[in-house]
Amino acid sequence: MSVKTTVQTILNFLALDIIFNPIANAVIPINGIGVFLSFTYWGILALFAYIVTHFLNKQTR
């Protein structure tokens, strides 16, 4: 993974987190299952940020 892709993925991740974090905080309970759902949320968010990065890179070529 190139440096440009890494930086863009991190920035996309932070932007998506700002957008979806209030929704996730309202839905995910604070208990044992909530911790698992939180890790799932972060994993899905990281994967989605990576997919968005590759989509944007294809669009700019």
PDB file of N, CA and C in Angstrom:
ATOM      1  N   MET A   1       0.851  -1.157   0.000  1.00  0.00           N
ATOM      2  CA  MET A   1       0.000   0.000   0.000  1.00  0.00           C
ATOM      3  C   MET A   1       0.907   1.233   0.000  1.00  0.00           C
ATOM      4  N   SER A   2       0.638   2.157  -0.887  1.00  0.00           N
ATOM      5  CA  SER A   2       1.475   3.348  -0.991  1.00  0.00           C
ATOM      6  C   SER A   2       1.158   4.331   0.137  1.00  0.00           C
ATOM      7  N   VAL A   3       2.037   5.289   0.300  1.00  0.00           N
ATOM      8  CA  VAL A   3       1.846   6.294   1.348  1.00  0.00           C
ATOM      9  C   VAL A   3       0.589   7.117   1.072  1.00  0.00           C
ATOM     10  N   LYS A   4       0.363   7.467  -0.195  1.00  0.00           N
ATOM     11  CA  LYS A   4      -0.828   8.249  -0.554  1.00  0.00           C
ATOM     12  C   LYS A   4      -2.102   7.489  -0.192  1.00  0.00           C
ATOM     13  N   THR A   5      -2.143   6.202  -0.509  1.00  0.00           N
ATOM     14  CA  THR A   5      -3.318   5.388  -0.195  1.00  0.00           C
ATOM     15  C   THR A   5      -3.515   5.272   1.310  1.00  0.00           C
ATOM     16  N   THR A   6      -2.425   5.112   2.043  1.00  0.00           N
ATOM     17  CA  THR A   6      -2.510   4.996   3.499  1.00  0.00           C
ATOM     18  C   THR A   6      -3.055   6.278   4.121  1.00  0.00           C
ATOM     19  N   VAL A   7      -2.517   7.416   3.705  1.00  0.00           N
ATOM     20  CA  VAL A   7      -2.970   8.696   4.253  1.00  0.00           C
ATOM     21  C   VAL A   7      -4.428   8.947   3.889  1.00  0.00           C
ATOM     22  N   GLN A   8      -4.791   8.667   2.647  1.00  0.00           N
ATOM     23  CA  GLN A   8      -6.171   8.890   2.224  1.00  0.00           C
ATOM     24  C   GLN A   8      -7.129   7.962   2.968  1.00  0.00           C
ATOM     25  N   THR A   9      -6.719   6.719   3.217  1.00  0.00           N
ATOM     26  CA  THR A   9      -7.558   5.788   3.973  1.00  0.00           C
ATOM     27  C   THR A   9      -7.773   6.291   5.398  1.00  0.00           C
ATOM     28  N   ILE A  10      -6.718   6.793   6.028  1.00  0.00           N
ATOM     29  CA  ILE A  10      -6.842   7.314   7.391  1.00  0.00           C
ATOM     30  C   ILE A  10      -7.773   8.522   7.425  1.00  0.00           C
ATOM     31  N   LEU A  11      -7.621   9.424   6.460  1.00  0.00           N
ATOM     32  CA  LEU A  11      -8.491  10.600   6.415  1.00  0.00           C
ATOM     33  C   LEU A  11      -9.944  10.213   6.142  1.00  0.00           C
ATOM     34  N   ASN A  12     -10.159   9.248   5.248  1.00  0.00           N
ATOM     35  CA  ASN A  12     -11.521   8.768   4.993  1.00  0.00           C
ATOM     36  C   ASN A  12     -12.107   8.120   6.242  1.00  0.00           C
ATOM     37  N   PHE A  13     -11.287   7.351   6.966  1.00  0.00           N
ATOM     38  CA  PHE A  13     -11.736   6.701   8.190  1.00  0.00           C
ATOM     39  C   PHE A  13     -12.193   7.744   9.214  1.00  0.00           C
ATOM     40  N   LEU A  14     -11.393   8.790   9.394  1.00  0.00           N
ATOM     41  CA  LEU A  14     -11.757   9.829  10.359  1.00  0.00           C
ATOM     42  C   LEU A  14     -13.025  10.565   9.941  1.00  0.00           C
ATOM     43  N   ALA A  15     -13.151  10.843   8.650  1.00  0.00           N
ATOM     44  CA  ALA A  15     -14.358  11.522   8.163  1.00  0.00           C
ATOM     45  C   ALA A  15     -15.596  10.655   8.358  1.00  0.00           C
ATOM     46  N   LEU A  16     -15.488   9.368   8.022  1.00  0.00           N
ATOM     47  CA  LEU A  16     -16.626   8.468   8.202  1.00  0.00           C
ATOM     48  C   LEU A  16     -16.965   8.303   9.679  1.00  0.00           C
ATOM     49  N   ASP A  17     -15.942   8.298  10.540  1.00  0.00           N
ATOM     50  CA  ASP A  17     -16.184   8.183  11.970  1.00  0.00           C
ATOM     51  C   ASP A  17     -16.956   9.394  12.485  1.00  0.00           C
ATOM     52  N   ILE A  18     -16.603  10.584  12.014  1.00  0.00           N
ATOM     53  CA  ILE A  18     -17.316  11.788  12.441  1.00  0.00           C
ATOM     54  C   ILE A  18     -18.783  11.728  12.004  1.00  0.00           C
ATOM     55  N   ILE A  19     -19.021  11.167  10.824  1.00  0.00           N
ATOM     56  CA  ILE A  19     -20.392  11.083  10.310  1.00  0.00           C
ATOM     57  C   ILE A  19     -21.212  10.032  11.061  1.00  0.00           C
ATOM     58  N   PHE A  20     -20.644   8.825  11.236  1.00  0.00           N
ATOM     59  CA  PHE A  20     -21.425   7.699  11.759  1.00  0.00           C
ATOM     60  C   PHE A  20     -21.320   7.496  13.268  1.00  0.00           C
ATOM     61  N   ASN A  21     -20.391   8.146  13.952  1.00  0.00           N
ATOM     62  CA  ASN A  21     -20.207   7.915  15.381  1.00  0.00           C
ATOM     63  C   ASN A  21     -21.433   8.291  16.214  1.00  0.00           C
ATOM     64  N   PRO A  22     -22.108   9.415  15.968  1.00  0.00           N
ATOM     65  CA  PRO A  22     -23.317   9.703  16.766  1.00  0.00           C
ATOM     66  C   PRO A  22     -24.405   8.640  16.608  1.00  0.00           C
ATOM     67  N   ILE A  23     -24.539   8.111  15.407  1.00  0.00           N
ATOM     68  CA  ILE A  23     -25.533   7.059  15.163  1.00  0.00           C
ATOM     69  C   ILE A  23     -25.142   5.794  15.907  1.00  0.00           C
ATOM     70  N   ALA A  24     -23.862   5.427  15.821  1.00  0.00           N
ATOM     71  CA  ALA A  24     -23.389   4.209  16.486  1.00  0.00           C
ATOM     72  C   ALA A  24     -23.505   4.331  18.001  1.00  0.00           C
ATOM     73  N   ASN A  25     -23.218   5.499  18.545  1.00  0.00           N
ATOM     74  CA  ASN A  25     -23.325   5.679  20.001  1.00  0.00           C
ATOM     75  C   ASN A  25     -24.763   5.540  20.487  1.00  0.00           C
ATOM     76  N   ALA A  26     -25.713   5.911  19.655  1.00  0.00           N
ATOM     77  CA  ALA A  26     -27.117   5.774  20.040  1.00  0.00           C
ATOM     78  C   ALA A  26     -27.585   4.324  19.963  1.00  0.00           C
ATOM     79  N   VAL A  27     -26.971   3.526  19.083  1.00  0.00           N
ATOM     80  CA  VAL A  27     -27.429   2.162  18.837  1.00  0.00           C
ATOM     81  C   VAL A  27     -26.685   1.135  19.688  1.00  0.00           C
ATOM     82  N   ILE A  28     -25.367   1.307  19.862  1.00  0.00           N
ATOM     83  CA  ILE A  28     -24.549   0.300  20.547  1.00  0.00           C
ATOM     84  C   ILE A  28     -24.671   0.474  22.063  1.00  0.00           C
ATOM     85  N   PRO A  29     -25.132  -0.561  22.772  1.00  0.00           N
ATOM     86  CA  PRO A  29     -25.233  -0.478  24.233  1.00  0.00           C
ATOM     87  C   PRO A  29     -23.850  -0.593  24.889  1.00  0.00           C
ATOM     88  N   ILE A  30     -23.755  -0.136  26.130  1.00  0.00           N
ATOM     89  CA  ILE A  30     -22.481  -0.227  26.847  1.00  0.00           C
ATOM     90  C   ILE A  30     -22.549  -1.449  27.760  1.00  0.00           C
ATOM     91  N   ASN A  31     -22.106  -2.582  27.239  1.00  0.00           N
ATOM     92  CA  ASN A  31     -21.986  -3.823  28.001  1.00  0.00           C
ATOM     93  C   ASN A  31     -21.071  -4.752  27.207  1.00  0.00           C
ATOM     94  N   GLY A  32     -21.028  -6.019  27.542  1.00  0.00           N
ATOM     95  CA  GLY A  32     -20.144  -6.955  26.846  1.00  0.00           C
ATOM     96  C   GLY A  32     -20.442  -7.064  25.367  1.00  0.00           C
ATOM     97  N   ILE A  33     -21.708  -7.126  25.022  1.00  0.00           N
ATOM     98  CA  ILE A  33     -22.090  -7.210  23.608  1.00  0.00           C
ATOM     99  C   ILE A  33     -21.780  -5.893  22.909  1.00  0.00           C
ATOM    100  N   GLY A  34     -21.930  -4.791  23.619  1.00  0.00           N
ATOM    101  CA  GLY A  34     -21.621  -3.485  23.050  1.00  0.00           C
ATOM    102  C   GLY A  34     -20.160  -3.351  22.661  1.00  0.00           C
ATOM    103  N   VAL A  35     -19.272  -3.946  23.462  1.00  0.00           N
ATOM    104  CA  VAL A  35     -17.841  -3.922  23.132  1.00  0.00           C
ATOM    105  C   VAL A  35     -17.599  -4.686  21.842  1.00  0.00           C
ATOM    106  N   PHE A  36     -18.199  -5.854  21.699  1.00  0.00           N
ATOM    107  CA  PHE A  36     -18.058  -6.634  20.466  1.00  0.00           C
ATOM    108  C   PHE A  36     -18.615  -5.861  19.272  1.00  0.00           C
ATOM    109  N   LEU A  37     -19.796  -5.255  19.442  1.00  0.00           N
ATOM    110  CA  LEU A  37     -20.388  -4.474  18.359  1.00  0.00           C
ATOM    111  C   LEU A  37     -19.532  -3.260  18.016  1.00  0.00           C
ATOM    112  N   SER A  38     -18.880  -2.684  19.020  1.00  0.00           N
ATOM    113  CA  SER A  38     -18.008  -1.541  18.783  1.00  0.00           C
ATOM    114  C   SER A  38     -16.809  -1.947  17.931  1.00  0.00           C
ATOM    115  N   PHE A  39     -16.189  -3.095  18.246  1.00  0.00           N
ATOM    116  CA  PHE A  39     -15.076  -3.583  17.430  1.00  0.00           C
ATOM    117  C   PHE A  39     -15.544  -3.902  16.018  1.00  0.00           C
ATOM    118  N   THR A  40     -16.739  -4.445  15.892  1.00  0.00           N
ATOM    119  CA  THR A  40     -17.304  -4.716  14.568  1.00  0.00           C
ATOM    120  C   THR A  40     -17.519  -3.412  13.810  1.00  0.00           C
ATOM    121  N   TYR A  41     -18.026  -2.399  14.504  1.00  0.00           N
ATOM    122  CA  TYR A  41     -18.237  -1.082  13.894  1.00  0.00           C
ATOM    123  C   TYR A  41     -16.920  -0.511  13.374  1.00  0.00           C
ATOM    124  N   TRP A  42     -15.859  -0.565  14.189  1.00  0.00           N
ATOM    125  CA  TRP A  42     -14.560  -0.030  13.764  1.00  0.00           C
ATOM    126  C   TRP A  42     -14.002  -0.814  12.589  1.00  0.00           C
ATOM    127  N   GLY A  43     -14.181  -2.123  12.592  1.00  0.00           N
ATOM    128  CA  GLY A  43     -13.701  -2.938  11.475  1.00  0.00           C
ATOM    129  C   GLY A  43     -14.428  -2.627  10.184  1.00  0.00           C
ATOM    130  N   ILE A  44     -15.746  -2.519  10.259  1.00  0.00           N
ATOM    131  CA  ILE A  44     -16.529  -2.185   9.061  1.00  0.00           C
ATOM    132  C   ILE A  44     -16.172  -0.786   8.578  1.00  0.00           C
ATOM    133  N   LEU A  45     -15.990   0.143   9.503  1.00  0.00           N
ATOM    134  CA  LEU A  45     -15.628   1.506   9.135  1.00  0.00           C
ATOM    135  C   LEU A  45     -14.257   1.551   8.459  1.00  0.00           C
ATOM    136  N   ALA A  46     -13.286   0.799   8.975  1.00  0.00           N
ATOM    137  CA  ALA A  46     -11.955   0.758   8.360  1.00  0.00           C
ATOM    138  C   ALA A  46     -12.022   0.142   6.967  1.00  0.00           C
ATOM    139  N   LEU A  47     -12.777  -0.931   6.818  1.00  0.00           N
ATOM    140  CA  LEU A  47     -12.923  -1.571   5.509  1.00  0.00           C
ATOM    141  C   LEU A  47     -13.606  -0.634   4.522  1.00  0.00           C
ATOM    142  N   PHE A  48     -14.646   0.048   4.955  1.00  0.00           N
ATOM    143  CA  PHE A  48     -15.363   0.972   4.080  1.00  0.00           C
ATOM    144  C   PHE A  48     -14.470   2.148   3.677  1.00  0.00           C
ATOM    145  N   ALA A  49     -13.640   2.642   4.610  1.00  0.00           N
ATOM    146  CA  ALA A  49     -12.713   3.731   4.290  1.00  0.00           C
ATOM    147  C   ALA A  49     -11.708   3.281   3.235  1.00  0.00           C
ATOM    148  N   TYR A  50     -11.224   2.052   3.345  1.00  0.00           N
ATOM    149  CA  TYR A  50     -10.280   1.505   2.365  1.00  0.00           C
ATOM    150  C   TYR A  50     -10.945   1.366   0.995  1.00  0.00           C
ATOM    151  N   ILE A  51     -12.186   0.898   0.967  1.00  0.00           N
ATOM    152  CA  ILE A  51     -12.918   0.754  -0.301  1.00  0.00           C
ATOM    153  C   ILE A  51     -13.161   2.124  -0.937  1.00  0.00           C
ATOM    154  N   VAL A  52     -13.540   3.105  -0.130  1.00  0.00           N
ATOM    155  CA  VAL A  52     -13.763   4.458  -0.651  1.00  0.00           C
ATOM    156  C   VAL A  52     -12.472   5.026  -1.224  1.00  0.00           C
ATOM    157  N   THR A  53     -11.344   4.775  -0.563  1.00  0.00           N
ATOM    158  CA  THR A  53     -10.053   5.256  -1.060  1.00  0.00           C
ATOM    159  C   THR A  53      -9.751   4.688  -2.432  1.00  0.00           C
ATOM    160  N   HIS A  54      -9.934   3.389  -2.601  1.00  0.00           N
ATOM    161  CA  HIS A  54      -9.664   2.780  -3.905  1.00  0.00           C
ATOM    162  C   HIS A  54     -10.649   3.262  -4.965  1.00  0.00           C
ATOM    163  N   PHE A  55     -11.890   3.479  -4.593  1.00  0.00           N
ATOM    164  CA  PHE A  55     -12.872   4.005  -5.538  1.00  0.00           C
ATOM    165  C   PHE A  55     -12.481   5.411  -5.994  1.00  0.00           C
ATOM    166  N   LEU A  56     -12.073   6.253  -5.050  1.00  0.00           N
ATOM    167  CA  LEU A  56     -11.675   7.612  -5.405  1.00  0.00           C
ATOM    168  C   LEU A  56     -10.404   7.624  -6.246  1.00  0.00           C
ATOM    169  N   ASN A  57      -9.476   6.706  -5.961  1.00  0.00           N
ATOM    170  CA  ASN A  57      -8.254   6.632  -6.765  1.00  0.00           C
ATOM    171  C   ASN A  57      -8.564   6.212  -8.195  1.00  0.00           C
ATOM    172  N   LYS A  58      -9.507   5.306  -8.385  1.00  0.00           N
ATOM    173  CA  LYS A  58      -9.890   4.888  -9.739  1.00  0.00           C
ATOM    174  C   LYS A  58     -10.565   6.027 -10.485  1.00  0.00           C
ATOM    175  N   GLN A  59     -11.343   6.840  -9.776  1.00  0.00           N
ATOM    176  CA  GLN A  59     -12.060   7.941 -10.416  1.00  0.00           C
ATOM    177  C   GLN A  59     -11.120   9.058 -10.863  1.00  0.00           C
ATOM    178  N   THR A  60      -9.985   9.219 -10.180  1.00  0.00           N
ATOM    179  CA  THR A  60      -9.070  10.310 -10.517  1.00  0.00           C
ATOM    180  C   THR A  60      -8.038   9.918 -11.560  1.00  0.00           C
ATOM    181  N   ARG A  61      -7.963   8.670 -11.938  1.00  0.00           N
ATOM    182  CA  ARG A  61      -6.976   8.236 -12.940  1.00  0.00           C
ATOM    183  C   ARG A  61      -7.466   8.484 -14.321  1.00  0.00           C
TER     184      ARG A  61
END
